[in-house]
Amino acid sequence: MIFFRVRRPAQFAAAVLFLLALAFACYRHATPNFDRIIYEALVRGETQPIDDVYNIVKHESPRAEASTILDGPQHLQELEPLYAMRRVYIAAIAVTSRVLPIQDAITFLSVAGLFGLGIVILCWTKRPLLTCLVVSSYPFITMGRFGTPDALSSLFVVAGLWLLERNRAVGLALLFVSLGIRTDNVLLLLAVVSWLAWERQLSKSVAALLAIAGVSVVIALNHWAGNYGWAVLFRFSFIGGRYPAQISHSISVAEYLGALVRGAAGIVGAVAVWLVIGILAWRNSRNPLLLVTAVAVSAHFLLYPSPEDRYLVWAYAIAATMLIQTVGKNRSDGCPVTAKGLSSTGA
């Protein structure tokens, strides 16, 4: 009996240590992607002239040196509005950079988001081994090594969804905070408040006010950052153009469909397994949170058909968590496959 009482805490402790080790490995092997250069420029730009900022970031890495887009202080300023709306994330970098160099601070926030995400999944599922397997999968590790807001955003989003049933106000608050990390989280927020209104957990008037507030926050952040708008971001990301300020603000139907097809072809291999996990979780539980996730992910892909699945890791976490919960339920309820069931399948 003592062994069984001790084994469970030991498993959780081992899982936490594993997540720490995984985060440390990601920190030591960070990916030198382009986005982290712009985030450093934004942080430095709060206290330094743009010419000084450019001279620092341009020569900081081979990736920046080779960039033909980052070819002058003016063009650096033209790139910044594509990133500057993520005020919570940029503020977090600024605070962390008081202790660490800016690039290390960016990496630290990514690995902290990955570790925190693992802890939330562990608390949600109470399955240490399965949690460790999920978080050590390739999309999670890739996200943790990147210098982007995706890991921190995933932490706030998944934690917010987890808390909806435990403390709805706190859960919604986390989703609102996540708008300052990634403004496209507004799609998930709108899906969540619509679901809560449908389930009569929120009145329609309150849900409408929350939706208006979420959209207003995003509009305000984009306006403050001087963002060029969806069409410029879409064209810059998927069609072409070196300098955002010189890109057309219109997209033809053919251009949109071409980008959508290319994005779908590029991402299908990455999401296939996670779609299977989500479908199995739905068949076992019929949890409406899976539908909310599917709606938000679909809307995001239609607006921004990127072949990079780092934007979807939070959805992978939800799908895996829901499936793990059904495994735990089946174990507690007893195995649903009986000897008669086995014989009927020809086993």
Protein backbone atom coordinates (compact mmCIF):
# COMPACT_ATOMS: atom_id res chain seq x y z
CA MET A 1 0.00 0.00 0.00
CA ILE A 2 2.85 2.38 0.80
CA PHE A 3 4.34 1.68 -2.63
CA PHE A 4 1.12 2.67 -4.41
CA ARG A 5 0.80 5.83 -2.31
CA VAL A 6 4.36 6.85 -3.18
CA ARG A 7 4.32 5.81 -6.84
CA ARG A 8 1.77 8.38 -8.02
CA PRO A 9 3.56 11.50 -6.65
CA ALA A 10 6.82 10.07 -7.94
CA GLN A 11 5.36 9.78 -11.44
CA PHE A 12 4.23 13.40 -11.39
CA ALA A 13 7.61 14.54 -10.07
CA ALA A 14 9.38 12.58 -12.80
CA ALA A 15 7.11 14.17 -15.42
CA VAL A 16 7.89 17.68 -14.15
CA LEU A 17 11.62 16.92 -14.22
CA PHE A 18 11.28 15.58 -17.75
CA LEU A 19 9.48 18.73 -18.87
CA LEU A 20 12.20 20.85 -17.27
CA ALA A 21 14.88 18.86 -19.05
CA LEU A 22 13.04 19.18 -22.34
CA ALA A 23 12.70 22.94 -21.89
CA PHE A 24 16.40 23.22 -21.05
CA ALA A 25 17.34 21.24 -24.17
CA CYS A 26 15.17 23.57 -26.30
CA TYR A 27 16.80 26.58 -24.67
CA ARG A 28 20.28 25.27 -25.47
CA HIS A 29 19.35 24.48 -29.08
CA ALA A 30 17.21 27.47 -30.03
CA THR A 31 16.33 28.05 -33.69
CA PRO A 32 17.79 31.30 -35.13
CA ASN A 33 14.65 32.30 -37.06
CA PHE A 34 14.02 35.70 -38.65
CA ASP A 35 11.13 36.76 -36.39
CA ARG A 36 13.31 36.98 -33.31
CA ILE A 37 15.41 39.66 -35.03
CA ILE A 38 12.37 41.92 -35.45
CA TYR A 39 11.25 41.36 -31.86
CA GLU A 40 14.70 42.38 -30.65
CA ALA A 41 14.50 45.50 -32.83
CA LEU A 42 11.12 46.37 -31.32
CA VAL A 43 12.43 46.02 -27.77
CA ARG A 44 15.58 48.03 -28.51
CA GLY A 45 13.58 50.63 -30.40
CA GLU A 46 11.82 51.68 -27.20
CA THR A 47 15.07 53.21 -25.90
CA GLN A 48 17.44 53.45 -28.90
CA PRO A 49 17.40 55.32 -32.27
CA ILE A 50 16.40 53.18 -35.25
CA ASP A 51 19.83 53.56 -36.92
CA ASP A 52 21.57 52.13 -33.84
CA VAL A 53 19.01 49.35 -33.60
CA TYR A 54 19.51 48.42 -37.25
CA ASN A 55 23.30 48.31 -36.91
CA ILE A 56 22.97 45.90 -34.00
CA VAL A 57 20.37 43.47 -35.35
CA LYS A 58 21.65 43.45 -38.95
CA HIS A 59 25.02 42.11 -37.89
CA GLU A 60 23.84 39.90 -35.07
CA SER A 61 23.36 36.69 -37.04
CA PRO A 62 24.10 35.20 -40.48
CA ARG A 63 20.34 35.08 -41.13
CA ALA A 64 20.06 38.83 -40.66
CA GLU A 65 23.21 39.50 -42.65
CA ALA A 66 21.85 37.55 -45.61
CA SER A 67 18.38 39.10 -45.52
CA THR A 68 17.56 41.21 -48.58
CA ILE A 69 14.42 42.55 -46.86
CA LEU A 70 16.36 43.85 -43.87
CA ASP A 71 18.59 46.12 -46.00
CA GLY A 72 18.27 49.44 -44.19
CA PRO A 73 16.82 51.20 -41.13
CA GLN A 74 13.79 52.41 -43.12
CA HIS A 75 12.87 48.92 -44.25
CA LEU A 76 13.33 47.62 -40.71
CA GLN A 77 10.75 50.19 -39.61
CA GLU A 78 8.44 49.02 -42.39
CA LEU A 79 8.63 45.44 -41.08
CA GLU A 80 7.94 46.31 -37.45
CA PRO A 81 4.17 46.99 -37.78
CA LEU A 82 3.69 43.34 -38.81
CA TYR A 83 4.88 42.35 -35.32
CA ALA A 84 4.31 45.33 -33.05
CA MET A 85 0.67 44.54 -32.17
CA ARG A 86 1.85 41.71 -29.87
CA ARG A 87 2.30 44.10 -26.97
CA VAL A 88 2.09 41.60 -24.13
CA TYR A 89 4.73 39.41 -25.74
CA ILE A 90 7.03 42.35 -26.48
CA ALA A 91 6.61 43.63 -22.92
CA ALA A 92 7.47 40.16 -21.61
CA ILE A 93 10.67 40.20 -23.69
CA ALA A 94 11.55 43.65 -22.36
CA VAL A 95 11.08 42.54 -18.75
CA THR A 96 12.99 39.28 -19.20
CA SER A 97 15.82 41.08 -21.01
CA ARG A 98 16.63 42.90 -17.77
CA VAL A 99 18.10 39.61 -16.61
CA LEU A 100 19.09 37.92 -19.86
CA PRO A 101 20.39 39.15 -23.22
CA ILE A 102 17.45 39.92 -25.53
CA GLN A 103 17.86 36.87 -27.76
CA ASP A 104 18.17 34.63 -24.70
CA ALA A 105 15.09 36.32 -23.24
CA ILE A 106 13.13 35.51 -26.41
CA THR A 107 14.24 31.88 -26.20
CA PHE A 108 13.44 31.73 -22.50
CA LEU A 109 9.86 32.85 -23.10
CA SER A 110 9.42 30.12 -25.71
CA VAL A 111 10.73 27.36 -23.45
CA ALA A 112 8.79 28.75 -20.48
CA GLY A 113 5.66 28.59 -22.61
CA LEU A 114 6.47 25.01 -23.60
CA PHE A 115 7.11 23.98 -19.99
CA GLY A 116 3.97 25.72 -18.76
CA LEU A 117 1.93 24.08 -21.50
CA GLY A 118 3.21 20.70 -20.39
CA ILE A 119 2.24 21.45 -16.78
CA VAL A 120 -1.29 22.47 -17.82
CA ILE A 121 -1.73 19.26 -19.84
CA LEU A 122 -0.40 17.25 -16.91
CA CYS A 123 -2.85 18.90 -14.48
CA TRP A 124 -5.69 18.49 -16.97
CA THR A 125 -5.13 14.82 -17.83
CA LYS A 126 -3.34 13.58 -14.69
CA ARG A 127 -1.42 11.21 -16.98
CA PRO A 128 2.32 11.87 -16.53
CA LEU A 129 3.65 9.46 -19.17
CA LEU A 130 1.15 10.43 -21.86
CA THR A 131 1.71 14.12 -21.15
CA CYS A 132 5.44 13.72 -21.61
CA LEU A 133 4.93 11.87 -24.89
CA VAL A 134 2.65 14.61 -26.23
CA VAL A 135 4.92 17.50 -25.27
CA SER A 136 8.03 15.76 -26.63
CA SER A 137 6.44 15.38 -30.09
CA TYR A 138 8.06 17.25 -32.96
CA PRO A 139 5.61 20.21 -33.30
CA PHE A 140 5.87 21.04 -29.59
CA ILE A 141 9.67 20.91 -29.56
CA THR A 142 9.92 22.97 -32.75
CA MET A 143 7.63 25.59 -31.24
CA GLY A 144 9.68 25.68 -28.04
CA ARG A 145 12.90 26.33 -29.95
CA PHE A 146 11.50 29.14 -32.11
CA GLY A 147 11.79 32.79 -31.19
CA THR A 148 8.10 33.49 -31.73
CA PRO A 149 5.10 34.12 -29.44
CA ASP A 150 3.50 30.77 -30.32
CA ALA A 151 4.61 28.84 -27.22
CA LEU A 152 3.55 31.56 -24.79
CA SER A 153 0.31 32.00 -26.71
CA SER A 154 -0.39 28.26 -26.57
CA LEU A 155 0.15 28.29 -22.81
CA PHE A 156 -2.39 31.08 -22.23
CA VAL A 157 -4.90 29.61 -24.68
CA VAL A 158 -4.80 26.04 -23.34
CA ALA A 159 -4.77 27.25 -19.73
CA GLY A 160 -7.75 29.48 -20.48
CA LEU A 161 -9.71 26.62 -22.04
CA TRP A 162 -8.82 24.33 -19.12
CA LEU A 163 -10.07 26.88 -16.61
CA LEU A 164 -13.38 27.56 -18.37
CA GLU A 165 -15.04 24.74 -16.43
CA ARG A 166 -13.28 25.57 -13.17
CA ASN A 167 -13.32 29.35 -13.07
CA ARG A 168 -14.95 30.82 -16.17
CA ALA A 169 -13.95 34.40 -15.39
CA VAL A 170 -10.26 33.50 -15.05
CA GLY A 171 -10.40 31.33 -18.16
CA LEU A 172 -11.89 34.14 -20.23
CA ALA A 173 -9.39 36.60 -18.74
CA LEU A 174 -6.50 34.42 -19.94
CA LEU A 175 -8.01 34.29 -23.42
CA PHE A 176 -8.24 38.08 -23.42
CA VAL A 177 -4.61 38.41 -22.30
CA SER A 178 -3.62 36.04 -25.11
CA LEU A 179 -4.82 38.68 -27.60
CA GLY A 180 -1.77 40.72 -26.64
CA ILE A 181 0.45 37.75 -27.46
CA ARG A 182 -1.20 36.78 -30.74
CA THR A 183 -4.09 38.91 -31.99
CA ASP A 184 -5.44 36.05 -34.11
CA ASN A 185 -6.49 34.36 -30.87
CA VAL A 186 -9.59 36.52 -31.22
CA LEU A 187 -10.95 33.79 -33.53
CA LEU A 188 -10.82 31.32 -30.66
CA LEU A 189 -12.29 33.86 -28.23
CA LEU A 190 -15.24 34.45 -30.57
CA ALA A 191 -15.76 30.69 -30.93
CA VAL A 192 -15.64 30.23 -27.14
CA VAL A 193 -18.13 32.97 -26.26
CA SER A 194 -20.46 31.74 -29.03
CA TRP A 195 -20.30 28.23 -27.59
CA LEU A 196 -20.92 29.50 -24.04
CA ALA A 197 -23.94 31.45 -25.26
CA TRP A 198 -25.25 28.41 -27.16
CA GLU A 199 -24.89 26.27 -24.03
CA ARG A 200 -26.59 29.04 -22.01
CA GLN A 201 -23.59 29.37 -19.74
CA LEU A 202 -23.49 33.05 -20.73
CA SER A 203 -26.39 35.28 -21.64
CA LYS A 204 -26.46 36.42 -25.25
CA SER A 205 -25.95 40.02 -24.21
CA VAL A 206 -22.85 39.21 -22.14
CA ALA A 207 -21.46 37.02 -24.92
CA ALA A 208 -22.03 39.85 -27.42
CA LEU A 209 -20.27 42.34 -25.14
CA LEU A 210 -17.31 39.98 -24.73
CA ALA A 211 -17.10 39.45 -28.48
CA ILE A 212 -17.22 43.20 -29.13
CA ALA A 213 -14.58 43.77 -26.44
CA GLY A 214 -12.27 41.15 -27.96
CA VAL A 215 -12.58 42.55 -31.47
CA SER A 216 -12.10 46.08 -30.12
CA VAL A 217 -8.89 45.08 -28.36
CA VAL A 218 -7.51 43.60 -31.58
CA ILE A 219 -8.50 46.67 -33.61
CA ALA A 220 -6.87 48.94 -31.02
CA LEU A 221 -3.65 46.91 -30.98
CA ASN A 222 -3.44 46.88 -34.76
CA HIS A 223 -4.13 50.62 -34.93
CA TRP A 224 -1.52 51.39 -32.29
CA ALA A 225 1.06 49.28 -34.16
CA GLY A 226 0.25 50.89 -37.51
CA ASN A 227 -0.53 47.47 -38.96
CA TYR A 228 -1.01 47.38 -42.72
CA GLY A 229 -4.05 45.11 -42.61
CA TRP A 230 -4.88 41.55 -43.55
CA ALA A 231 -4.43 41.96 -47.31
CA VAL A 232 -0.86 43.24 -47.02
CA LEU A 233 0.07 40.55 -44.51
CA PHE A 234 -1.45 37.89 -46.76
CA ARG A 235 0.32 39.15 -49.89
CA PHE A 236 3.64 39.61 -48.07
CA SER A 237 3.49 36.11 -46.59
CA PHE A 238 2.08 34.04 -49.45
CA ILE A 239 2.24 35.93 -52.74
CA GLY A 240 5.31 38.14 -52.79
CA GLY A 241 6.80 41.55 -52.11
CA ARG A 242 9.93 42.70 -50.32
CA TYR A 243 8.75 45.80 -48.50
CA PRO A 244 5.34 45.83 -46.74
CA ALA A 245 4.78 49.57 -47.16
CA GLN A 246 4.97 49.15 -50.95
CA ILE A 247 2.65 46.12 -51.21
CA SER A 248 -0.81 46.38 -52.75
CA HIS A 249 -3.76 46.34 -50.36
CA SER A 250 -5.87 44.12 -52.63
CA ILE A 251 -5.92 40.39 -53.40
CA SER A 252 -7.64 38.69 -56.29
CA VAL A 253 -9.73 35.55 -55.87
CA ALA A 254 -7.20 33.58 -57.94
CA GLU A 255 -4.31 34.75 -55.75
CA TYR A 256 -6.19 33.81 -52.59
CA LEU A 257 -7.19 30.37 -53.85
CA GLY A 258 -3.67 29.70 -55.07
CA ALA A 259 -2.23 30.50 -51.64
CA LEU A 260 -4.93 28.42 -49.96
CA VAL A 261 -4.18 25.37 -52.11
CA ARG A 262 -0.42 25.69 -51.59
CA GLY A 263 -0.89 26.05 -47.85
CA ALA A 264 -3.21 23.05 -47.65
CA ALA A 265 -0.80 20.91 -49.69
CA GLY A 266 2.08 21.93 -47.44
CA ILE A 267 0.39 21.33 -44.11
CA VAL A 268 -1.69 18.21 -44.72
CA GLY A 269 1.14 15.84 -43.80
CA ALA A 270 1.79 17.66 -40.53
CA VAL A 271 -1.82 17.75 -39.35
CA ALA A 272 -2.96 14.31 -40.52
CA VAL A 273 -2.03 12.43 -37.34
CA TRP A 274 -3.47 15.17 -35.13
CA LEU A 275 -6.70 15.08 -37.10
CA VAL A 276 -6.92 11.36 -36.37
CA ILE A 277 -6.35 12.08 -32.68
CA GLY A 278 -9.06 14.75 -32.70
CA ILE A 279 -11.55 12.50 -34.52
CA LEU A 280 -10.94 9.64 -32.09
CA ALA A 281 -11.34 12.02 -29.15
CA TRP A 282 -14.63 13.27 -30.60
CA ARG A 283 -15.95 9.74 -31.18
CA ASN A 284 -15.12 8.80 -27.58
CA SER A 285 -16.29 11.93 -25.77
CA ARG A 286 -18.32 14.28 -27.99
CA ASN A 287 -16.67 17.12 -26.06
CA PRO A 288 -17.87 20.44 -27.57
CA LEU A 289 -14.45 21.95 -26.88
CA LEU A 290 -13.21 19.93 -29.85
CA LEU A 291 -15.78 21.63 -32.09
CA VAL A 292 -14.77 25.05 -30.76
CA THR A 293 -11.15 24.21 -31.52
CA ALA A 294 -11.99 22.96 -35.01
CA VAL A 295 -13.95 26.13 -35.83
CA ALA A 296 -11.14 28.41 -34.62
CA VAL A 297 -8.44 26.45 -36.46
CA SER A 298 -10.45 26.36 -39.69
CA ALA A 299 -11.13 30.09 -39.56
CA HIS A 300 -7.45 30.80 -38.89
CA PHE A 301 -6.32 28.69 -41.83
CA LEU A 302 -8.81 30.31 -44.19
CA LEU A 303 -7.49 33.73 -43.19
CA TYR A 304 -3.82 32.75 -43.02
CA PRO A 305 -3.13 29.47 -44.90
CA SER A 306 0.40 28.94 -43.66
CA PRO A 307 2.04 25.52 -44.10
CA GLU A 308 3.75 26.02 -40.72
CA ASP A 309 1.88 24.10 -38.03
CA ARG A 310 3.42 25.99 -35.10
CA TYR A 311 0.25 28.11 -35.16
CA LEU A 312 -1.79 24.96 -34.42
CA VAL A 313 0.14 23.42 -31.52
CA TRP A 314 -2.44 24.67 -29.02
CA ALA A 315 -5.09 22.76 -31.01
CA TYR A 316 -2.89 19.64 -31.01
CA ALA A 317 -2.69 19.96 -27.23
CA ILE A 318 -6.48 20.14 -26.92
CA ALA A 319 -7.03 17.14 -29.22
CA ALA A 320 -4.46 15.03 -27.37
CA THR A 321 -5.81 16.07 -23.97
CA MET A 322 -9.36 15.16 -24.89
CA LEU A 323 -8.25 11.75 -26.18
CA ILE A 324 -6.13 11.06 -23.09
CA GLN A 325 -9.11 11.88 -20.90
CA THR A 326 -11.23 9.28 -22.70
CA VAL A 327 -8.52 6.68 -22.13
CA GLY A 328 -8.60 7.47 -18.41
CA LYS A 329 -12.41 7.26 -18.41
CA ASN A 330 -12.38 3.91 -20.13
CA ARG A 331 -9.91 2.58 -17.59
CA SER A 332 -11.98 3.76 -14.66
CA ASP A 333 -15.23 2.47 -16.13
CA GLY A 334 -13.77 -0.88 -17.07
CA CYS A 335 -12.59 -2.13 -20.44
CA PRO A 336 -15.44 -1.77 -22.96
CA VAL A 337 -14.19 -4.70 -25.03
CA THR A 338 -15.53 -7.95 -23.61
CA ALA A 339 -14.77 -11.52 -24.59
CA LYS A 340 -18.02 -11.53 -26.55
CA GLY A 341 -16.99 -8.35 -28.30
CA LEU A 342 -13.64 -9.85 -29.24
CA SER A 343 -15.24 -12.97 -30.62
CA SER A 344 -17.66 -10.94 -32.72
CA THR A 345 -14.73 -9.27 -34.48
CA GLY A 346 -13.23 -12.59 -35.36
CA ALA A 347 -10.34 -12.36 -32.87
